[in-house]
Amino acid sequence: MALMVPNAAALAALLVLVLALQLQVRVVEESYLLATHGDAYRRYAARVGRFVPGLGRRADNPSAIKNSSSDTASRATPTG
């Protein structure tokens, strides 16, 4: 019952949870995806948010966003 009411222990647990989630995503998952998918993941990450689509991501290279949209369009059209 004590953790149902906002208190110092609940706040500390929330901060630890958020920190652990951030570390897992930034250190483990993103480096794995970058090593596995390379530039395709870099372009994807430049145009979407880390946790909320469209929020929290800045393009390191603004042309990456423009190039990625034309890249997806070229993949969507059949070539045969």
Protein backbone atom coordinates (compact mmCIF):
# COMPACT_ATOMS: atom_id res chain seq x y z
CA MET A 1 0.00 0.00 0.00
CA ALA A 2 2.89 2.39 0.73
CA LEU A 3 4.08 2.43 -2.89
CA MET A 4 0.61 3.39 -4.12
CA VAL A 5 0.97 6.82 -2.54
CA PRO A 6 3.59 9.17 -4.01
CA ASN A 7 6.61 9.17 -1.72
CA ALA A 8 10.42 9.24 -1.88
CA ALA A 9 10.74 5.48 -2.43
CA ALA A 10 8.27 5.50 -5.32
CA LEU A 11 10.02 8.46 -6.92
CA ALA A 12 13.42 6.80 -6.55
CA ALA A 13 12.08 3.59 -8.10
CA LEU A 14 10.64 5.53 -11.03
CA LEU A 15 13.94 7.31 -11.64
CA VAL A 16 15.86 4.01 -11.54
CA LEU A 17 13.39 2.48 -14.00
CA VAL A 18 13.66 5.39 -16.45
CA LEU A 19 17.47 5.38 -16.21
CA ALA A 20 17.64 1.62 -16.80
CA LEU A 21 15.34 1.89 -19.81
CA GLN A 22 17.35 4.75 -21.32
CA LEU A 23 20.63 2.85 -20.85
CA GLN A 24 19.23 -0.34 -22.36
CA VAL A 25 17.95 1.43 -25.46
CA ARG A 26 20.89 3.81 -26.00
CA VAL A 27 23.80 1.51 -25.17
CA VAL A 28 22.59 -1.96 -26.11
CA GLU A 29 19.80 -1.75 -28.68
CA GLU A 30 20.88 1.25 -30.74
CA SER A 31 24.48 0.09 -31.09
CA TYR A 32 23.28 -3.39 -32.10
CA LEU A 33 20.88 -1.97 -34.69
CA LEU A 34 23.55 0.37 -36.03
CA ALA A 35 26.05 -2.50 -36.36
CA THR A 36 23.44 -4.74 -37.97
CA HIS A 37 21.71 -2.31 -40.34
CA GLY A 38 24.26 0.50 -40.74
CA ASP A 39 23.18 3.56 -42.72
CA ALA A 40 19.61 2.32 -43.12
CA TYR A 41 19.17 2.42 -39.33
CA ARG A 42 20.95 5.78 -39.12
CA ARG A 43 18.48 7.26 -41.63
CA TYR A 44 15.54 5.68 -39.81
CA ALA A 45 16.72 6.98 -36.44
CA ALA A 46 17.15 10.47 -37.89
CA ARG A 47 13.48 10.73 -38.81
CA VAL A 48 11.68 9.00 -35.91
CA GLY A 49 11.71 9.50 -32.16
CA ARG A 50 13.38 7.15 -29.74
CA PHE A 51 10.25 6.45 -27.69
CA VAL A 52 7.54 8.63 -29.24
CA PRO A 53 7.40 8.87 -33.06
CA GLY A 54 8.60 12.26 -34.25
CA LEU A 55 9.74 13.42 -30.81
CA GLY A 56 13.23 13.45 -29.41
CA ARG A 57 15.32 12.89 -32.52
CA ARG A 58 17.43 15.45 -34.31
CA ALA A 59 19.00 14.68 -37.63
CA ASP A 60 22.79 14.83 -37.42
CA ASN A 61 22.67 15.53 -41.11
CA PRO A 62 19.51 17.31 -42.34
CA SER A 63 19.95 15.79 -45.79
CA ALA A 64 19.51 12.34 -44.22
CA ILE A 65 15.81 13.02 -43.75
CA LYS A 66 15.34 14.20 -47.32
CA ASN A 67 17.34 11.28 -48.72
CA SER A 68 15.52 8.71 -46.61
CA SER A 69 12.10 9.73 -47.96
CA SER A 70 13.27 9.36 -51.54
CA ASP A 71 14.97 6.08 -50.60
CA THR A 72 11.71 4.63 -49.27
CA ALA A 73 9.84 5.82 -52.34
CA SER A 74 12.32 4.09 -54.63
CA ARG A 75 11.99 0.84 -52.66
CA ALA A 76 8.19 0.99 -52.79
CA THR A 77 7.98 1.01 -56.57
CA PRO A 78 8.20 -2.39 -58.30
CA THR A 79 11.24 -2.90 -60.50
CA GLY A 80 10.25 -5.54 -62.87
